Amino acid sequence: MEELTLGIGSRVQHAHFGPGVIVGVKYAQYRVTFMDHGIKMIDKTDPLFEVLVAENQTAEVETASEVETSLLKILRLWGGITEVVPLGDRWKNGTLVLQPGDTTLKAKEVPIETFFHKIVMLRDRLRVLEQQINSHKVMTDEDKINLQQYITRIYGSLTTFNVLFRDKEHWFVGEKTGND
């Protein structure tokens, strides 16, 4: 039989900290607010810990909202991390020059590596967006397909930049025609 986990709102007693209320549930610990000692993390197996009134008992460790919050933190933390994608050899140490039509204006020069990094970040963020759409719990399959089609068109618009990539496996790929 599966052991139930005390839920938020359960009233407890601890030999050292006195009476308290569970305000958070983790895998091996409860976050408990004690009247005189503030918030403490207490191991679920602590022999000095006693349950007075059990509330919201569940077999789950964390609520869906806590898991979603954790995932969002992870995505934000690692959102800037991109796969190492090699720039085409002919572009290394190169410069992207944007020349305005008005010759009295100064051209803008950007190191090609900086521009390439931005393109790779854009591609990686589109992939994350695609994964979030695919795993969305509320959207219908039809909504997911419609958004996927927009993402595919975005990839198609970005195929111009494939010339920057050394390896074809990193290229943007849009919609395929019947001839492809």
Protein backbone atom coordinates (compact mmCIF):
# COMPACT_ATOMS: atom_id res chain seq x y z
CA MET A 1 0.00 0.00 0.00
CA GLU A 2 1.32 3.46 -0.92
CA GLU A 3 2.15 5.75 2.00
CA LEU A 4 0.26 9.03 2.04
CA THR A 5 2.08 12.34 2.31
CA LEU A 6 0.74 15.02 4.63
CA GLY A 7 -0.57 18.01 2.77
CA ILE A 8 -0.32 21.74 3.24
CA GLY A 9 -2.34 22.84 6.25
CA SER A 10 -1.60 19.77 8.37
CA ARG A 11 -1.02 20.64 12.03
CA VAL A 12 2.07 19.09 13.57
CA GLN A 13 4.12 19.07 16.76
CA HIS A 14 7.91 18.91 17.04
CA ALA A 15 9.73 18.17 20.29
CA HIS A 16 12.21 21.05 19.79
CA PHE A 17 10.19 23.60 17.78
CA GLY A 18 6.69 23.13 19.25
CA PRO A 19 3.42 23.37 17.29
CA GLY A 20 3.44 24.19 13.60
CA VAL A 21 1.64 23.98 10.27
CA ILE A 22 2.94 22.39 7.05
CA VAL A 23 3.28 25.06 4.35
CA GLY A 24 5.26 23.06 1.77
CA VAL A 25 5.86 19.46 0.78
CA LYS A 26 9.09 18.15 -0.74
CA TYR A 27 10.24 14.63 -1.54
CA ALA A 28 11.84 13.85 1.84
CA GLN A 29 10.92 16.90 3.90
CA TYR A 30 8.07 19.14 4.99
CA ARG A 31 8.39 22.91 5.14
CA VAL A 32 6.80 23.78 8.47
CA THR A 33 5.99 27.17 9.99
CA PHE A 34 6.45 27.04 13.76
CA MET A 35 4.89 29.61 16.05
CA ASP A 36 8.12 30.52 17.85
CA HIS A 37 10.82 29.35 15.43
CA GLY A 38 9.65 30.42 11.97
CA ILE A 39 9.97 28.21 8.91
CA LYS A 40 12.02 25.00 9.22
CA MET A 41 12.61 22.05 6.92
CA ILE A 42 11.76 18.83 8.80
CA ASP A 43 12.60 15.34 7.54
CA LYS A 44 9.52 13.18 7.10
CA THR A 45 11.20 10.47 9.17
CA ASP A 46 12.21 12.76 12.08
CA PRO A 47 11.33 10.83 15.29
CA LEU A 48 10.70 14.13 17.12
CA PHE A 49 7.95 15.02 14.62
CA GLU A 50 4.32 14.19 15.41
CA VAL A 51 1.15 14.67 13.34
CA LEU A 52 -1.70 16.35 15.23
CA VAL A 53 -4.23 16.89 12.39
CA ALA A 54 -3.59 15.53 8.88
CA GLU A 55 -4.94 17.66 6.03
CA ASN A 56 -4.91 17.27 2.26
CA GLN A 57 -3.18 13.89 2.34
CA THR A 58 -1.97 12.70 -1.04
CA ALA A 59 0.33 10.13 -2.60
CA GLU A 60 1.89 12.91 -4.71
CA VAL A 61 5.00 14.70 -3.51
CA GLU A 62 4.57 18.06 -5.19
CA THR A 63 1.61 19.79 -6.79
CA ALA A 64 1.50 20.39 -10.53
CA SER A 65 1.94 24.12 -9.97
CA GLU A 66 5.18 23.52 -8.02
CA VAL A 67 6.49 21.27 -10.80
CA GLU A 68 5.57 23.86 -13.43
CA THR A 69 7.26 26.60 -11.40
CA SER A 70 10.40 24.46 -11.11
CA LEU A 71 10.42 23.79 -14.86
CA LEU A 72 10.00 27.48 -15.64
CA LYS A 73 12.94 28.29 -13.35
CA ILE A 74 15.05 25.68 -15.13
CA LEU A 75 14.07 27.03 -18.56
CA ARG A 76 14.92 30.58 -17.51
CA LEU A 77 18.21 29.48 -15.96
CA TRP A 78 19.30 27.44 -18.97
CA GLY A 79 17.45 29.47 -21.64
CA GLY A 80 20.61 31.23 -22.76
CA ILE A 81 22.54 27.98 -23.17
CA THR A 82 22.75 26.94 -26.79
CA GLU A 83 24.11 23.95 -28.60
CA VAL A 84 27.61 24.38 -30.01
CA VAL A 85 27.05 24.80 -33.72
CA PRO A 86 30.05 25.31 -35.99
CA LEU A 87 30.13 28.34 -38.24
CA GLY A 88 31.06 27.67 -41.86
CA ASP A 89 34.84 27.92 -42.24
CA ARG A 90 34.69 30.60 -44.91
CA TRP A 91 32.89 32.96 -42.50
CA LYS A 92 35.27 32.68 -39.53
CA ASN A 93 36.66 36.06 -38.43
CA GLY A 94 34.41 37.68 -41.01
CA THR A 95 32.24 40.78 -40.75
CA LEU A 96 28.64 41.38 -41.71
CA VAL A 97 28.35 44.81 -43.35
CA LEU A 98 24.98 46.55 -43.58
CA GLN A 99 25.30 49.32 -46.14
CA PRO A 100 22.47 51.90 -46.17
CA GLY A 101 21.08 53.05 -49.51
CA ASP A 102 21.92 56.64 -48.54
CA THR A 103 25.70 56.91 -49.12
CA THR A 104 25.96 59.81 -46.66
CA LEU A 105 25.14 57.40 -43.83
CA LYS A 106 27.69 55.17 -42.17
CA ALA A 107 27.61 51.40 -42.71
CA LYS A 108 27.05 49.08 -39.75
CA GLU A 109 29.60 46.30 -39.24
CA VAL A 110 28.88 43.29 -37.04
CA PRO A 111 31.30 40.42 -36.41
CA ILE A 112 29.85 37.41 -38.24
CA GLU A 113 30.30 35.24 -35.11
CA THR A 114 27.97 37.60 -33.16
CA PHE A 115 25.36 37.50 -35.90
CA PHE A 116 25.68 33.72 -36.20
CA HIS A 117 25.26 33.28 -32.43
CA LYS A 118 21.99 35.26 -32.58
CA ILE A 119 20.71 33.06 -35.41
CA VAL A 120 21.55 29.89 -33.43
CA MET A 121 19.81 31.30 -30.32
CA LEU A 122 16.74 32.07 -32.44
CA ARG A 123 16.71 28.51 -33.76
CA ASP A 124 17.08 27.04 -30.27
CA ARG A 125 14.26 29.19 -28.87
CA LEU A 126 11.99 28.14 -31.72
CA ARG A 127 12.71 24.51 -30.79
CA VAL A 128 11.81 25.19 -27.14
CA LEU A 129 8.60 26.92 -28.25
CA GLU A 130 7.80 23.91 -30.41
CA GLN A 131 8.31 21.55 -27.45
CA GLN A 132 6.12 23.72 -25.21
CA ILE A 133 3.33 23.68 -27.78
CA ASN A 134 3.57 19.90 -28.19
CA SER A 135 3.39 19.28 -24.44
CA HIS A 136 0.73 21.89 -23.66
CA LYS A 137 -2.06 20.35 -21.58
CA VAL A 138 -4.92 22.72 -22.44
CA MET A 139 -4.52 23.31 -26.18
CA THR A 140 -6.45 21.11 -28.58
CA ASP A 141 -4.61 19.03 -31.19
CA GLU A 142 -5.99 21.36 -33.86
CA ASP A 143 -4.54 24.42 -32.07
CA LYS A 144 -1.19 22.65 -31.74
CA ILE A 145 -1.13 21.79 -35.47
CA ASN A 146 -2.00 25.37 -36.44
CA LEU A 147 0.84 26.77 -34.33
CA GLN A 148 3.24 24.11 -35.62
CA GLN A 149 2.46 25.25 -39.18
CA TYR A 150 3.44 28.82 -38.26
CA ILE A 151 6.71 27.60 -36.76
CA THR A 152 7.41 25.58 -39.92
CA ARG A 153 6.86 28.73 -42.00
CA ILE A 154 9.24 30.65 -39.73
CA TYR A 155 11.90 27.97 -40.31
CA GLY A 156 11.25 28.36 -44.04
CA SER A 157 11.81 32.12 -43.82
CA LEU A 158 15.12 31.51 -42.08
CA THR A 159 16.56 29.11 -44.69
CA THR A 160 18.47 32.07 -46.18
CA PHE A 161 20.82 31.84 -43.21
CA ASN A 162 21.70 28.18 -43.86
CA VAL A 163 24.74 29.43 -45.80
CA LEU A 164 26.30 30.35 -42.42
CA PHE A 165 26.19 26.79 -41.03
CA ARG A 166 29.08 24.42 -41.60
CA ASP A 167 27.01 21.23 -41.30
CA LYS A 168 23.75 20.62 -43.13
CA GLU A 169 22.23 18.92 -40.03
CA HIS A 170 21.97 22.37 -38.38
CA TRP A 171 20.09 24.00 -41.25
CA PHE A 172 16.64 25.51 -41.00
CA VAL A 173 14.06 23.42 -42.86
CA GLY A 174 10.66 24.83 -43.80
CA GLU A 175 7.73 23.27 -45.61
CA LYS A 176 8.62 20.64 -48.20
CA THR A 177 7.01 20.68 -51.60
CA GLY A 178 5.97 17.53 -53.44
CA ASN A 179 9.19 17.73 -55.49
CA ASP A 180 11.54 17.54 -52.46
